[in-house]
Amino acid sequence: MATDERQEALERHGLAEEQDGFVLYLRGYQAGMRTARALRDRGNEEAIQMLALDASDPLRWEYASAIQIEAFSTEIHRSGI
């Protein structure tokens, strides 16, 4: 995957890559929470616990970030990198 394609994939997942790791943008948080709700609806215990937390709890952002990083990584691997 070319650098431009990688950057586009990061943006699709609401992520940026910095020296210290990934940063999750609001768009990525929202996408992660949609995925978390779908997981909760399928009975995923971790998603159930995370969505039960207050919306201001930083663990929700961390969970959404993990979801989006995993989705980004899956896309990168499928693209042949």
N, C-alpha and C. Protein backbone atom coordinates (compact mmCIF):
# COMPACT_ATOMS: atom_id res chain seq x y z
N MET A 1 0.86 -1.17 0.00
CA MET A 1 0.00 0.00 0.00
C MET A 1 0.90 1.23 0.00
N ALA A 2 0.65 2.12 -0.92
CA ALA A 2 1.42 3.34 -1.02
C ALA A 2 1.13 4.25 0.17
N THR A 3 2.03 5.20 0.38
CA THR A 3 1.86 6.14 1.49
C THR A 3 0.53 6.87 1.41
N ASP A 4 0.14 7.29 0.21
CA ASP A 4 -1.15 7.97 0.05
C ASP A 4 -2.32 7.06 0.42
N GLU A 5 -2.24 5.80 0.01
CA GLU A 5 -3.30 4.85 0.33
C GLU A 5 -3.37 4.60 1.83
N ARG A 6 -2.22 4.52 2.47
CA ARG A 6 -2.17 4.33 3.92
C ARG A 6 -2.82 5.52 4.63
N GLN A 7 -2.49 6.72 4.17
CA GLN A 7 -3.06 7.92 4.77
C GLN A 7 -4.57 7.95 4.58
N GLU A 8 -5.04 7.57 3.41
CA GLU A 8 -6.48 7.52 3.15
C GLU A 8 -7.16 6.50 4.06
N ALA A 9 -6.51 5.37 4.29
CA ALA A 9 -7.07 4.35 5.19
C ALA A 9 -7.14 4.88 6.62
N LEU A 10 -6.09 5.58 7.04
CA LEU A 10 -6.11 6.17 8.38
C LEU A 10 -7.30 7.13 8.51
N GLU A 11 -7.48 7.97 7.52
CA GLU A 11 -8.57 8.94 7.56
C GLU A 11 -9.93 8.26 7.55
N ARG A 12 -10.07 7.18 6.78
CA ARG A 12 -11.34 6.44 6.76
C ARG A 12 -11.71 5.90 8.13
N HIS A 13 -10.69 5.56 8.91
CA HIS A 13 -10.93 4.99 10.24
C HIS A 13 -10.88 6.05 11.34
N GLY A 14 -10.75 7.31 10.95
CA GLY A 14 -10.75 8.39 11.94
C GLY A 14 -9.51 8.39 12.80
N LEU A 15 -8.39 8.00 12.21
CA LEU A 15 -7.13 7.91 12.94
C LEU A 15 -6.06 8.80 12.33
N ALA A 16 -5.09 9.13 13.13
CA ALA A 16 -3.86 9.76 12.66
C ALA A 16 -2.72 9.00 13.32
N GLU A 17 -1.60 8.97 12.64
CA GLU A 17 -0.44 8.28 13.20
C GLU A 17 0.61 9.32 13.57
N GLU A 18 0.98 9.32 14.83
CA GLU A 18 1.99 10.24 15.33
C GLU A 18 3.17 9.45 15.86
N GLN A 19 4.18 10.13 16.28
CA GLN A 19 5.40 9.49 16.75
C GLN A 19 5.13 8.51 17.90
N ASP A 20 4.20 8.86 18.77
CA ASP A 20 3.91 8.03 19.94
C ASP A 20 2.82 7.00 19.71
N GLY A 21 2.27 6.95 18.51
CA GLY A 21 1.22 5.97 18.21
C GLY A 21 0.06 6.62 17.48
N PHE A 22 -1.10 6.00 17.61
CA PHE A 22 -2.29 6.46 16.92
C PHE A 22 -3.07 7.47 17.76
N VAL A 23 -3.72 8.39 17.07
CA VAL A 23 -4.62 9.35 17.70
C VAL A 23 -5.99 9.13 17.08
N LEU A 24 -7.01 9.07 17.92
CA LEU A 24 -8.38 8.86 17.46
C LEU A 24 -9.10 10.20 17.38
N TYR A 25 -9.67 10.48 16.21
CA TYR A 25 -10.48 11.68 16.03
C TYR A 25 -11.94 11.37 16.35
N LEU A 26 -12.75 12.42 16.47
CA LEU A 26 -14.16 12.24 16.79
C LEU A 26 -14.84 11.31 15.81
N ARG A 27 -14.56 11.46 14.53
CA ARG A 27 -15.17 10.59 13.51
C ARG A 27 -14.82 9.12 13.78
N GLY A 28 -13.59 8.85 14.19
CA GLY A 28 -13.18 7.50 14.53
C GLY A 28 -13.88 6.99 15.78
N TYR A 29 -14.04 7.88 16.76
CA TYR A 29 -14.76 7.50 17.98
C TYR A 29 -16.19 7.10 17.65
N GLN A 30 -16.84 7.90 16.82
CA GLN A 30 -18.22 7.61 16.45
C GLN A 30 -18.33 6.28 15.70
N ALA A 31 -17.39 6.03 14.80
CA ALA A 31 -17.39 4.75 14.07
C ALA A 31 -17.13 3.60 15.03
N GLY A 32 -16.22 3.78 15.95
CA GLY A 32 -15.93 2.74 16.94
C GLY A 32 -17.12 2.43 17.82
N MET A 33 -17.87 3.47 18.18
CA MET A 33 -19.05 3.27 19.01
C MET A 33 -20.16 2.58 18.22
N ARG A 34 -20.27 2.85 16.92
CA ARG A 34 -21.25 2.12 16.11
C ARG A 34 -20.90 0.63 16.07
N THR A 35 -19.62 0.35 15.91
CA THR A 35 -19.18 -1.05 15.91
C THR A 35 -19.44 -1.68 17.27
N ALA A 36 -19.16 -0.93 18.34
CA ALA A 36 -19.38 -1.44 19.70
C ALA A 36 -20.86 -1.75 19.92
N ARG A 37 -21.74 -0.91 19.43
CA ARG A 37 -23.18 -1.18 19.58
C ARG A 37 -23.59 -2.44 18.82
N ALA A 38 -23.01 -2.63 17.64
CA ALA A 38 -23.30 -3.85 16.87
C ALA A 38 -22.78 -5.07 17.62
N LEU A 39 -21.60 -4.96 18.21
CA LEU A 39 -21.05 -6.07 19.00
C LEU A 39 -21.92 -6.35 20.22
N ARG A 40 -22.36 -5.29 20.88
CA ARG A 40 -23.24 -5.45 22.05
C ARG A 40 -24.52 -6.17 21.66
N ASP A 41 -25.08 -5.78 20.53
CA ASP A 41 -26.32 -6.40 20.07
C ASP A 41 -26.14 -7.89 19.78
N ARG A 42 -24.90 -8.31 19.50
CA ARG A 42 -24.61 -9.73 19.27
C ARG A 42 -24.17 -10.42 20.55
N GLY A 43 -24.24 -9.70 21.68
CA GLY A 43 -23.95 -10.32 22.97
C GLY A 43 -22.50 -10.26 23.41
N ASN A 44 -21.66 -9.46 22.78
CA ASN A 44 -20.25 -9.35 23.15
C ASN A 44 -20.15 -8.70 24.53
N GLU A 45 -19.61 -9.44 25.50
CA GLU A 45 -19.55 -8.97 26.89
C GLU A 45 -18.71 -7.71 27.06
N GLU A 46 -17.57 -7.66 26.37
CA GLU A 46 -16.71 -6.48 26.49
C GLU A 46 -17.44 -5.22 26.00
N ALA A 47 -18.12 -5.34 24.87
CA ALA A 47 -18.87 -4.21 24.33
C ALA A 47 -19.99 -3.80 25.29
N ILE A 48 -20.65 -4.77 25.88
CA ILE A 48 -21.72 -4.50 26.84
C ILE A 48 -21.16 -3.69 28.01
N GLN A 49 -20.01 -4.10 28.54
CA GLN A 49 -19.39 -3.41 29.67
C GLN A 49 -18.93 -2.00 29.29
N MET A 50 -18.31 -1.86 28.15
CA MET A 50 -17.81 -0.56 27.72
C MET A 50 -18.94 0.43 27.47
N LEU A 51 -20.01 -0.03 26.85
CA LEU A 51 -21.13 0.87 26.56
C LEU A 51 -21.95 1.19 27.80
N ALA A 52 -21.78 0.42 28.86
CA ALA A 52 -22.46 0.71 30.12
C ALA A 52 -21.77 1.85 30.88
N LEU A 53 -20.53 2.16 30.49
CA LEU A 53 -19.80 3.25 31.14
C LEU A 53 -20.39 4.59 30.73
N ASP A 54 -20.18 5.58 31.56
CA ASP A 54 -20.60 6.93 31.25
C ASP A 54 -19.90 7.41 29.97
N ALA A 55 -20.60 8.18 29.18
CA ALA A 55 -20.04 8.65 27.90
C ALA A 55 -18.77 9.46 28.09
N SER A 56 -18.56 10.05 29.24
CA SER A 56 -17.35 10.84 29.49
C SER A 56 -16.19 10.00 29.99
N ASP A 57 -16.40 8.72 30.21
CA ASP A 57 -15.34 7.85 30.73
C ASP A 57 -14.27 7.64 29.66
N PRO A 58 -13.00 7.91 29.98
CA PRO A 58 -11.92 7.76 29.00
C PRO A 58 -11.77 6.32 28.49
N LEU A 59 -12.25 5.34 29.23
CA LEU A 59 -12.16 3.96 28.76
C LEU A 59 -12.99 3.74 27.49
N ARG A 60 -14.07 4.49 27.34
CA ARG A 60 -14.86 4.38 26.11
C ARG A 60 -14.05 4.84 24.90
N TRP A 61 -13.28 5.93 25.08
CA TRP A 61 -12.41 6.40 23.99
C TRP A 61 -11.34 5.37 23.69
N GLU A 62 -10.76 4.78 24.72
CA GLU A 62 -9.74 3.76 24.52
C GLU A 62 -10.31 2.55 23.79
N TYR A 63 -11.52 2.16 24.13
CA TYR A 63 -12.18 1.03 23.48
C TYR A 63 -12.45 1.34 22.01
N ALA A 64 -13.00 2.52 21.75
CA ALA A 64 -13.26 2.93 20.37
C ALA A 64 -11.96 2.99 19.58
N SER A 65 -10.90 3.47 20.21
CA SER A 65 -9.60 3.54 19.56
C SER A 65 -9.10 2.14 19.20
N ALA A 66 -9.22 1.22 20.12
CA ALA A 66 -8.79 -0.17 19.86
C ALA A 66 -9.58 -0.78 18.71
N ILE A 67 -10.87 -0.51 18.66
CA ILE A 67 -11.71 -1.03 17.58
C ILE A 67 -11.23 -0.46 16.24
N GLN A 68 -10.99 0.84 16.20
CA GLN A 68 -10.58 1.47 14.96
C GLN A 68 -9.17 1.08 14.52
N ILE A 69 -8.28 0.93 15.46
CA ILE A 69 -6.92 0.48 15.13
C ILE A 69 -6.96 -0.94 14.57
N GLU A 70 -7.78 -1.78 15.16
CA GLU A 70 -7.93 -3.15 14.66
C GLU A 70 -8.51 -3.15 13.24
N ALA A 71 -9.52 -2.32 13.01
CA ALA A 71 -10.11 -2.24 11.67
C ALA A 71 -9.09 -1.72 10.66
N PHE A 72 -8.32 -0.73 11.04
CA PHE A 72 -7.27 -0.19 10.17
C PHE A 72 -6.23 -1.27 9.88
N SER A 73 -5.78 -1.96 10.90
CA SER A 73 -4.77 -3.02 10.73
C SER A 73 -5.28 -4.12 9.82
N THR A 74 -6.53 -4.51 9.99
CA THR A 74 -7.13 -5.53 9.13
C THR A 74 -7.14 -5.07 7.68
N GLU A 75 -7.51 -3.82 7.45
CA GLU A 75 -7.51 -3.29 6.09
C GLU A 75 -6.10 -3.30 5.49
N ILE A 76 -5.12 -2.91 6.27
CA ILE A 76 -3.73 -2.87 5.80
C ILE A 76 -3.27 -4.29 5.43
N HIS A 77 -3.55 -5.25 6.29
CA HIS A 77 -3.13 -6.64 6.02
C HIS A 77 -3.81 -7.20 4.78
N ARG A 78 -5.09 -6.91 4.63
CA ARG A 78 -5.82 -7.40 3.46
C ARG A 78 -5.32 -6.77 2.16
N SER A 79 -4.74 -5.59 2.27
CA SER A 79 -4.26 -4.91 1.07
C SER A 79 -2.92 -5.46 0.59
N GLY A 80 -2.32 -6.34 1.37
CA GLY A 80 -1.10 -6.97 0.93
C GLY A 80 0.19 -6.43 1.53
N ILE A 81 0.08 -5.59 2.50
CA ILE A 81 1.29 -5.05 3.14
C ILE A 81 1.81 -6.02 4.18
